[in-house]
Amino acid sequence: MVRRTRQHTGKRRLQLAGVVAVVAVLVASIVAAAGILFRSLQAIWHEQYRVTDRELDVVITSGKMVHPDIVTLHFGLTNGANLATIPFAEKREKLLGRIPNIRDIKIELRRPKRVTVDVIEREPAVRIAPAKGHADTEYVADFEGMVFPFYSNVSALPVIREATQRRTPPGKRLDGMAAAALRLVETAAAPEFAEISILEVDTSHSDYLLATMSNYSRAKIAWDHMLDDTRQARESLHRQYLHLMQVMGARIITQPTLWIATDYGTPVRIYAKDPTRSDGR
């Protein structure tokens, strides 16, 4: 009796295992079929976004330095492209990292056929020159401090002369005294200071900037926290430069001279140095 019960139990277990195996096979088959069906439907769905040159509607807005063809090829917006499979966000970041002239890229995708790419280029604010030598250079920087190449005419831009012969390379930002010089030029570009502009700023000194002005005077300039880009530092710079322009505008001295504007503790203390001493020391 016990032996028959064991045999019966063993048969039931075998039957159950067979059922489970069959169910597992069916489930796996269904999952595999569903996967194939999903990929097929996905391929059909994506295929509607594949375009030809005649169908593709691409609008590239760029500036002076970045040619639209560079953008078109980078994003793969060519004949046979599938707009659904192009990783626009990833490619955007790569292009921003590769070309320092580009400040931003805005992409608008209107499937299935239209793409608008707006390339916002950096505007040169200053030329970047080494400590010695000619200031004619294709290296410029915008007011964000980013250095980039620019081959159009920039001869009218102010010059920031860096402390060494080794200039900040394209794709890097100005720092230290060079960044302070950039903030000085930005402040001087305000409409309230339009009468006298800055031609060049020498950053080779550790405690002040030496600026050459459009009236051929020079000025040693320093302000509170001048190496920091903070609201407090910018306010100190504005006060110091305002007082310098007021003193220069009074025309107490008509000939080119060297102005000393380094005592930011008492900003009204701005005076002229003997014009025969033009060594900047």
Protein backbone atom coordinates (compact mmCIF):
# COMPACT_ATOMS: atom_id res chain seq x y z
CA MET A 1 0.00 0.00 0.00
CA VAL A 2 2.82 2.36 0.90
CA ARG A 3 4.69 1.45 -2.29
CA ARG A 4 1.64 2.25 -4.47
CA THR A 5 1.19 5.62 -2.73
CA ARG A 6 4.82 6.49 -3.41
CA GLN A 7 4.52 5.49 -7.05
CA HIS A 8 1.36 7.55 -7.40
CA THR A 9 3.04 10.58 -5.79
CA GLY A 10 6.06 10.21 -8.09
CA LYS A 11 3.82 10.14 -11.19
CA ARG A 12 2.01 13.26 -10.05
CA ARG A 13 5.30 15.08 -9.54
CA LEU A 14 6.46 14.10 -13.01
CA GLN A 15 3.19 15.27 -14.50
CA LEU A 16 3.41 18.56 -12.61
CA ALA A 17 7.01 19.09 -13.72
CA GLY A 18 5.93 18.45 -17.31
CA VAL A 19 3.14 20.99 -17.03
CA VAL A 20 5.52 23.56 -15.52
CA ALA A 21 8.02 22.95 -18.32
CA VAL A 22 5.35 23.37 -20.97
CA VAL A 23 4.10 26.57 -19.34
CA ALA A 24 7.65 27.91 -19.11
CA VAL A 25 8.23 27.19 -22.79
CA LEU A 26 4.95 28.88 -23.69
CA VAL A 27 5.77 31.93 -21.59
CA ALA A 28 9.26 32.19 -23.08
CA SER A 29 7.78 31.86 -26.55
CA ILE A 30 5.23 34.57 -25.83
CA VAL A 31 7.89 36.91 -24.41
CA ALA A 32 10.18 36.29 -27.38
CA ALA A 33 7.31 36.87 -29.81
CA ALA A 34 6.32 40.03 -27.98
CA GLY A 35 9.93 41.27 -28.15
CA ILE A 36 10.10 40.58 -31.86
CA LEU A 37 6.75 42.27 -32.39
CA PHE A 38 7.81 45.30 -30.31
CA ARG A 39 11.07 45.70 -32.22
CA SER A 40 9.23 45.35 -35.50
CA LEU A 41 6.67 47.97 -34.53
CA GLN A 42 9.44 50.21 -33.22
CA ALA A 43 11.34 49.87 -36.49
CA ILE A 44 8.18 50.70 -38.44
CA TRP A 45 7.55 53.69 -36.15
CA HIS A 46 11.13 54.94 -36.47
CA GLU A 47 11.15 54.43 -40.21
CA GLN A 48 8.67 57.25 -40.66
CA TYR A 49 11.38 59.60 -39.38
CA ARG A 50 13.93 58.49 -41.96
CA VAL A 51 14.32 61.28 -44.47
CA THR A 52 15.88 62.02 -47.81
CA ASP A 53 17.55 65.25 -48.85
CA ARG A 54 14.37 66.30 -50.59
CA GLU A 55 12.22 65.68 -47.52
CA LEU A 56 14.51 66.91 -44.76
CA ASP A 57 13.73 70.43 -43.57
CA VAL A 58 16.79 71.65 -41.64
CA VAL A 59 17.29 75.25 -40.54
CA ILE A 60 20.79 76.06 -39.24
CA THR A 61 21.26 79.50 -37.75
CA SER A 62 24.91 80.32 -37.15
CA GLY A 63 27.24 83.31 -36.92
CA LYS A 64 30.52 84.34 -38.51
CA MET A 65 32.86 81.50 -37.57
CA VAL A 66 30.91 78.22 -37.40
CA HIS A 67 29.79 77.11 -40.84
CA PRO A 68 26.35 75.46 -41.01
CA ASP A 69 27.86 72.44 -42.78
CA ILE A 70 29.87 71.64 -39.65
CA VAL A 71 26.66 71.49 -37.63
CA THR A 72 24.82 69.46 -40.27
CA LEU A 73 27.54 66.82 -40.46
CA HIS A 74 28.06 66.69 -36.69
CA PHE A 75 24.40 65.89 -36.04
CA GLY A 76 24.20 63.56 -39.03
CA LEU A 77 21.44 65.53 -40.72
CA THR A 78 22.11 64.05 -44.13
CA ASN A 79 20.35 61.91 -46.69
CA GLY A 80 18.87 58.79 -45.07
CA ALA A 81 19.12 60.12 -41.53
CA ASN A 82 16.61 58.81 -39.02
CA LEU A 83 15.62 61.68 -36.75
CA ALA A 84 14.24 59.30 -34.14
CA THR A 85 17.62 57.68 -33.51
CA ILE A 86 19.92 60.73 -33.48
CA PRO A 87 21.11 61.47 -29.88
CA PHE A 88 20.71 65.23 -30.18
CA ALA A 89 21.44 66.04 -26.51
CA GLU A 90 24.65 64.00 -26.47
CA LYS A 91 25.87 65.44 -29.75
CA ARG A 92 25.06 68.96 -28.56
CA GLU A 93 27.32 68.57 -25.51
CA LYS A 94 30.15 67.19 -27.63
CA LEU A 95 29.97 70.08 -30.09
CA LEU A 96 29.95 72.64 -27.26
CA GLY A 97 33.08 71.03 -25.84
CA ARG A 98 34.83 70.85 -29.20
CA ILE A 99 34.28 74.38 -30.55
CA PRO A 100 34.88 77.14 -27.96
CA ASN A 101 33.42 79.76 -30.33
CA ILE A 102 29.96 78.34 -29.57
CA ARG A 103 28.29 79.64 -26.43
CA ASP A 104 25.02 77.72 -26.75
CA ILE A 105 23.07 75.47 -29.11
CA LYS A 106 19.29 75.35 -29.17
CA ILE A 107 17.62 72.45 -30.97
CA GLU A 108 13.95 72.23 -31.91
CA LEU A 109 12.86 68.90 -33.37
CA ARG A 110 9.51 68.75 -35.10
CA ARG A 111 9.08 65.20 -36.25
CA PRO A 112 8.94 63.72 -38.69
CA LYS A 113 10.80 66.04 -41.08
CA ARG A 114 11.87 69.34 -39.49
CA VAL A 115 14.90 70.25 -37.36
CA THR A 116 15.92 73.74 -36.28
CA VAL A 117 19.41 74.21 -34.85
CA ASP A 118 20.27 77.67 -33.51
CA VAL A 119 24.01 78.02 -32.94
CA ILE A 120 24.74 80.99 -30.68
CA GLU A 121 28.34 82.09 -31.15
CA ARG A 122 30.45 84.01 -28.68
CA GLU A 123 30.98 87.72 -29.26
CA PRO A 124 34.63 88.85 -28.96
CA ALA A 125 35.15 91.54 -26.33
CA VAL A 126 38.95 91.74 -26.04
CA ARG A 127 42.07 90.56 -27.81
CA ILE A 128 44.46 88.34 -25.87
CA ALA A 129 48.16 89.11 -26.34
CA PRO A 130 51.38 87.81 -24.75
CA ALA A 131 53.43 89.91 -22.34
CA LYS A 132 55.64 91.25 -25.13
CA GLY A 133 55.32 91.61 -28.86
CA HIS A 134 52.62 92.65 -31.27
CA ALA A 135 49.03 92.70 -30.07
CA ASP A 136 47.73 91.51 -33.45
CA THR A 137 46.24 88.13 -32.63
CA GLU A 138 43.43 85.81 -33.61
CA TYR A 139 42.85 84.90 -29.95
CA VAL A 140 39.99 86.76 -28.33
CA ALA A 141 37.77 86.39 -25.26
CA ASP A 142 34.17 87.29 -24.53
CA PHE A 143 32.95 88.86 -21.30
CA GLU A 144 32.50 85.35 -19.83
CA GLY A 145 36.28 84.99 -20.07
CA MET A 146 36.26 82.18 -22.63
CA VAL A 147 39.18 82.32 -25.05
CA PHE A 148 38.49 81.33 -28.65
CA PRO A 149 39.90 81.94 -32.14
CA PHE A 150 38.32 84.67 -34.24
CA TYR A 151 39.58 85.58 -37.68
CA SER A 152 37.46 88.60 -38.56
CA ASN A 153 38.71 92.13 -38.00
CA VAL A 154 39.17 92.68 -34.25
CA SER A 155 41.75 95.48 -34.38
CA ALA A 156 39.39 97.91 -32.62
CA LEU A 157 39.01 95.69 -29.55
CA PRO A 158 40.91 96.45 -26.33
CA VAL A 159 43.96 94.29 -25.64
CA ILE A 160 44.59 92.28 -22.49
CA ARG A 161 48.29 91.59 -22.30
CA GLU A 162 48.90 88.50 -20.20
CA ALA A 163 51.73 88.26 -17.69
CA THR A 164 53.78 85.74 -19.66
CA GLN A 165 54.51 84.89 -23.28
CA ARG A 166 52.25 81.90 -22.87
CA ARG A 167 48.68 82.94 -23.54
CA THR A 168 45.55 81.25 -22.27
CA PRO A 169 44.68 78.67 -24.95
CA PRO A 170 41.33 78.47 -26.76
CA GLY A 171 38.68 76.61 -24.81
CA LYS A 172 39.99 77.85 -21.45
CA ARG A 173 38.85 80.82 -19.38
CA LEU A 174 40.92 83.77 -18.27
CA ASP A 175 41.79 83.73 -14.58
CA GLY A 176 43.75 85.74 -12.03
CA MET A 177 44.82 89.22 -13.10
CA ALA A 178 43.74 88.56 -16.69
CA ALA A 179 40.18 87.93 -15.48
CA ALA A 180 40.37 91.11 -13.38
CA ALA A 181 41.50 92.99 -16.50
CA LEU A 182 38.48 91.65 -18.37
CA ARG A 183 36.15 92.97 -15.64
CA LEU A 184 37.92 96.34 -15.86
CA VAL A 185 37.35 96.49 -19.64
CA GLU A 186 33.72 95.46 -19.18
CA THR A 187 33.17 98.22 -16.62
CA ALA A 188 34.89 100.78 -18.84
CA ALA A 189 32.60 99.80 -21.74
CA ALA A 190 29.54 101.19 -19.93
CA PRO A 191 27.91 104.20 -21.67
CA GLU A 192 28.67 106.46 -18.71
CA PHE A 193 32.40 106.08 -19.46
CA ALA A 194 32.18 106.47 -23.24
CA GLU A 195 34.31 109.63 -23.37
CA ILE A 196 37.54 107.79 -22.54
CA SER A 197 38.00 104.14 -23.45
CA ILE A 198 40.66 101.55 -22.63
CA LEU A 199 43.09 100.53 -25.34
CA GLU A 200 45.22 98.00 -23.46
CA VAL A 201 45.61 96.45 -20.02
CA ASP A 202 48.93 95.07 -18.76
CA THR A 203 48.45 92.27 -16.21
CA SER A 204 52.12 91.65 -15.37
CA HIS A 205 51.96 93.28 -11.92
CA SER A 206 50.64 91.34 -8.96
CA ASP A 207 48.86 94.16 -7.14
CA TYR A 208 47.49 96.45 -9.84
CA LEU A 209 46.57 96.67 -13.52
CA LEU A 210 48.27 99.14 -15.85
CA ALA A 211 45.74 100.50 -18.35
CA THR A 212 46.50 102.55 -21.44
CA MET A 213 43.66 104.93 -22.20
CA SER A 214 42.39 106.37 -25.47
CA ASN A 215 43.67 109.83 -24.48
CA TYR A 216 47.16 108.24 -24.26
CA SER A 217 47.31 108.55 -20.50
CA ARG A 218 48.01 105.47 -18.44
CA ALA A 219 46.53 104.47 -15.12
CA LYS A 220 47.50 102.10 -12.35
CA ILE A 221 44.22 100.67 -11.10
CA ALA A 222 43.39 98.42 -8.16
CA TRP A 223 40.20 97.80 -6.20
CA ASP A 224 38.96 95.81 -3.26
CA HIS A 225 38.97 92.01 -3.83
CA MET A 226 40.04 92.59 -7.43
CA LEU A 227 40.75 88.89 -8.02
CA ASP A 228 37.19 87.94 -7.05
CA ASP A 229 34.19 88.09 -9.35
CA THR A 230 31.64 89.06 -6.72
CA ARG A 231 29.08 91.83 -6.43
CA GLN A 232 31.18 93.50 -3.72
CA ALA A 233 34.29 93.44 -5.90
CA ARG A 234 32.45 94.76 -8.95
CA GLU A 235 30.94 97.60 -6.90
CA SER A 236 34.41 98.52 -5.64
CA LEU A 237 35.74 98.47 -9.21
CA HIS A 238 32.89 100.68 -10.43
CA ARG A 239 33.48 103.25 -7.68
CA GLN A 240 37.21 103.31 -8.33
CA TYR A 241 36.84 103.67 -12.07
CA LEU A 242 34.13 106.32 -11.68
CA HIS A 243 36.42 108.44 -9.51
CA LEU A 244 39.28 107.98 -11.97
CA MET A 245 37.11 109.16 -14.86
CA GLN A 246 35.90 112.13 -12.83
CA VAL A 247 39.48 113.20 -12.07
CA MET A 248 40.59 112.69 -15.67
CA GLY A 249 37.50 114.50 -16.93
CA ALA A 250 38.30 117.55 -14.82
CA ARG A 251 41.29 118.14 -17.12
CA ILE A 252 43.49 119.33 -14.29
CA ILE A 253 46.38 118.00 -16.34
CA THR A 254 45.99 118.26 -20.10
CA GLN A 255 49.04 116.30 -21.23
CA PRO A 256 49.27 112.51 -21.17
CA THR A 257 50.35 111.29 -17.77
CA LEU A 258 50.30 108.36 -15.38
CA TRP A 259 47.35 108.26 -13.01
CA ILE A 260 47.57 106.38 -9.73
CA ALA A 261 44.26 104.83 -8.68
CA THR A 262 45.35 102.02 -6.38
CA ASP A 263 44.24 103.25 -2.96
CA TYR A 264 40.72 101.82 -2.95
CA GLY A 265 40.47 102.38 0.82
CA THR A 266 40.06 106.09 0.09
CA PRO A 267 38.91 106.08 -3.54
CA VAL A 268 38.96 109.86 -3.89
CA ARG A 269 42.73 109.70 -3.50
CA ILE A 270 43.68 109.58 -7.17
CA TYR A 271 46.68 111.55 -8.30
CA ALA A 272 48.96 112.02 -11.28
CA LYS A 273 52.57 111.00 -11.40
CA ASP A 274 55.35 113.07 -12.94
CA PRO A 275 54.80 112.60 -16.70
CA THR A 276 58.55 112.28 -17.22
CA ARG A 277 58.42 109.04 -15.20
CA SER A 278 56.63 106.75 -17.59
CA ASP A 279 58.14 103.45 -16.51
CA GLY A 280 54.98 102.46 -14.67
CA ARG A 281 56.82 101.92 -11.39
